[in-house]
Protein backbone atom coordinates (compact mmCIF):
# COMPACT_ATOMS: atom_id res chain seq x y z
CA UNK A 1 -23.21 -9.02 14.29
CA UNK A 2 -20.04 -9.69 12.28
CA UNK A 3 -17.50 -6.88 12.29
CA UNK A 4 -16.40 -5.42 8.96
CA UNK A 5 -13.06 -6.79 7.80
CA UNK A 6 -11.07 -4.00 6.21
CA UNK A 7 -10.35 -4.57 2.53
CA UNK A 8 -6.89 -3.80 1.15
CA UNK A 9 -6.05 -3.89 -2.54
CA UNK A 10 -2.60 -5.35 -3.17
CA UNK A 11 -1.22 -4.03 -6.46
CA UNK A 12 1.80 -6.25 -7.11
CA UNK A 13 3.02 -8.02 -10.25
CA UNK A 14 5.30 -10.60 -8.62
CA UNK A 15 3.16 -13.73 -8.05
CA UNK A 16 5.23 -14.96 -5.09
CA UNK A 17 5.07 -11.60 -3.30
CA UNK A 18 1.34 -11.41 -4.04
CA UNK A 19 0.71 -14.79 -2.41
CA UNK A 20 2.82 -13.93 0.66
CA UNK A 21 1.01 -10.61 1.12
CA UNK A 22 -2.44 -12.14 0.53
CA UNK A 23 -1.90 -14.94 3.06
CA UNK A 24 -0.40 -12.66 5.73
CA UNK A 25 -2.99 -9.89 5.38
CA UNK A 26 -5.79 -12.44 5.53
CA UNK A 27 -4.28 -13.94 8.70
CA UNK A 28 -4.15 -10.43 10.21
CA UNK A 29 -7.91 -9.96 9.74
CA UNK A 30 -7.68 -7.95 6.52
CA UNK A 31 -9.53 -9.00 3.37
CA UNK A 32 -7.02 -8.87 0.50
CA UNK A 33 -8.04 -7.81 -2.99
CA UNK A 34 -5.58 -8.42 -5.82
CA UNK A 35 -4.36 -6.53 -8.87
CA UNK A 36 -1.39 -7.61 -10.99
CA UNK A 37 -1.02 -4.38 -12.96
CA UNK A 38 -1.68 -0.65 -12.72
CA UNK A 39 -4.79 -0.57 -14.93
CA UNK A 40 -6.48 -3.30 -12.90
CA UNK A 41 -5.51 -1.54 -9.68
CA UNK A 42 -7.15 1.71 -10.79
CA UNK A 43 -10.27 -0.08 -11.99
CA UNK A 44 -10.66 -2.01 -8.73
CA UNK A 45 -10.00 1.08 -6.58
CA UNK A 46 -12.68 3.05 -8.43
CA UNK A 47 -15.22 0.20 -8.59
CA UNK A 48 -14.77 -1.41 -5.18
CA UNK A 49 -13.50 1.35 -2.85
CA UNK A 50 -10.99 -0.61 -0.74
CA UNK A 51 -10.08 0.69 2.71
CA UNK A 52 -6.41 1.01 1.67
CA UNK A 53 -4.00 0.11 -1.12
CA UNK A 54 -0.57 -1.54 -1.03
CA UNK A 55 0.88 -0.13 -4.25
CA UNK A 56 4.07 -1.43 -5.82
CA UNK A 57 6.01 1.21 -7.77
CA UNK A 58 6.98 -1.12 -10.62
CA UNK A 59 3.83 -2.46 -12.26
CA UNK A 60 3.12 -3.42 -15.88
CA UNK A 61 0.90 -1.19 -17.97
CA UNK A 62 0.87 1.93 -15.86
CA UNK A 63 3.26 2.01 -12.92
CA UNK A 64 2.50 2.72 -9.30
CA UNK A 65 3.49 6.36 -9.64
CA UNK A 66 0.93 6.83 -12.43
CA UNK A 67 -1.75 5.11 -10.34
CA UNK A 68 -0.96 7.39 -7.39
CA UNK A 69 -0.95 10.47 -9.65
CA UNK A 70 -4.36 9.51 -11.07
CA UNK A 71 -5.82 9.00 -7.59
CA UNK A 72 -4.38 12.35 -6.49
CA UNK A 73 -5.67 14.16 -9.62
CA UNK A 74 -9.21 12.77 -9.24
CA UNK A 75 -9.38 13.49 -5.50
CA UNK A 76 -9.62 9.82 -4.51
CA UNK A 77 -8.44 9.77 -0.89
CA UNK A 78 -7.99 6.01 -0.40
CA UNK A 79 -4.95 5.57 1.87
CA UNK A 80 -2.02 4.33 -0.22
CA UNK A 81 1.06 2.58 1.11
CA UNK A 82 3.78 2.73 -1.55
CA UNK A 83 6.11 -0.27 -1.80
CA UNK A 84 9.42 0.00 -3.61
CA UNK A 85 12.87 -1.50 -3.82
CA UNK A 86 14.28 2.04 -3.95
CA UNK A 87 15.24 3.73 -0.70
CA UNK A 88 15.85 7.35 -1.62
CA UNK A 89 14.68 10.76 -0.50
CA UNK A 90 13.39 11.74 -3.98
CA UNK A 91 10.89 8.86 -4.10
CA UNK A 92 9.89 9.41 -0.48
CA UNK A 93 9.18 13.08 -1.22
CA UNK A 94 7.28 12.23 -4.41
CA UNK A 95 5.10 9.75 -2.52
CA UNK A 96 4.39 12.39 0.13
CA UNK A 97 3.47 15.02 -2.46
CA UNK A 98 1.06 12.62 -4.19
CA UNK A 99 -0.72 11.75 -0.95
CA UNK A 100 0.68 8.35 0.05
CA UNK A 101 0.36 7.66 3.78
CA UNK A 102 3.45 5.45 4.01
CA UNK A 103 6.42 4.26 1.94
CA UNK A 104 7.85 0.82 2.63
CA UNK A 105 11.13 -0.38 1.17
CA UNK A 106 11.45 -3.91 -0.24
CA UNK A 107 12.39 -6.39 0.81
CA UNK A 108 10.16 -5.47 3.71
CA UNK A 109 9.71 -7.23 6.98
CA UNK A 110 6.26 -8.81 6.73
CA UNK A 111 5.50 -8.05 10.39
CA UNK A 112 6.28 -4.37 9.78
CA UNK A 113 4.10 -4.32 6.66
CA UNK A 114 1.19 -5.88 8.58
CA UNK A 115 1.71 -3.40 11.43
CA UNK A 116 1.64 -0.39 9.09
CA UNK A 117 -1.29 -1.72 7.06
CA UNK A 118 -3.28 -2.54 10.20
CA UNK A 119 -2.64 0.98 11.49
CA UNK A 120 -3.78 2.55 8.21
CA UNK A 121 -7.06 0.59 8.14
CA UNK A 122 -7.73 1.18 11.84
CA UNK A 123 -7.15 -2.31 13.24
CA UNK A 124 -4.29 -1.08 15.43
CA UNK A 125 -3.32 2.21 16.95
CA UNK A 126 0.47 2.00 16.89
CA UNK A 127 3.04 4.49 15.72
CA UNK A 128 3.95 3.84 12.07
CA UNK A 129 6.90 6.22 12.18
CA UNK A 130 10.20 5.11 10.75
CA UNK A 131 12.33 2.70 12.67
CA UNK A 132 15.94 3.80 13.20
CA UNK A 133 18.04 3.30 10.10
CA UNK A 134 15.16 2.98 7.65
CA UNK A 135 14.51 6.53 6.53
CA UNK A 136 12.09 5.58 3.76
CA UNK A 137 10.04 3.25 5.98
CA UNK A 138 7.86 5.98 7.31
CA UNK A 139 4.45 7.48 7.76
CA UNK A 140 4.05 10.36 5.34
CA UNK A 141 0.84 12.08 6.41
């Protein structure tokens, strides 16, 4: 019997970043699903129930914060890993309040992103706590 490959929706508008994430997640045993904007991300989350979401803050249409707020408001508990170029306490707190399980700062180390994502979808059982010096790279739950 073939084991279930966890499915992770990547909501990212930068085509180069999207390709890098898709290739690396696939190599790590995770089936990537893609969305280039916030509306598509919400539609795919609701229709296809991914195991987790990598959600960029800056997306066209509706941004990542609006996607996260909508998921929170409707009670959708898909694990969300927020990805942002901003490393500040306000955004970290906002992500926590809206139910994100982790907040990764760009540019992120791809190995760290795979580690955190694998932990969230249950492929690994490692500690996703922040590494020293990266306060916003942390588990939020």
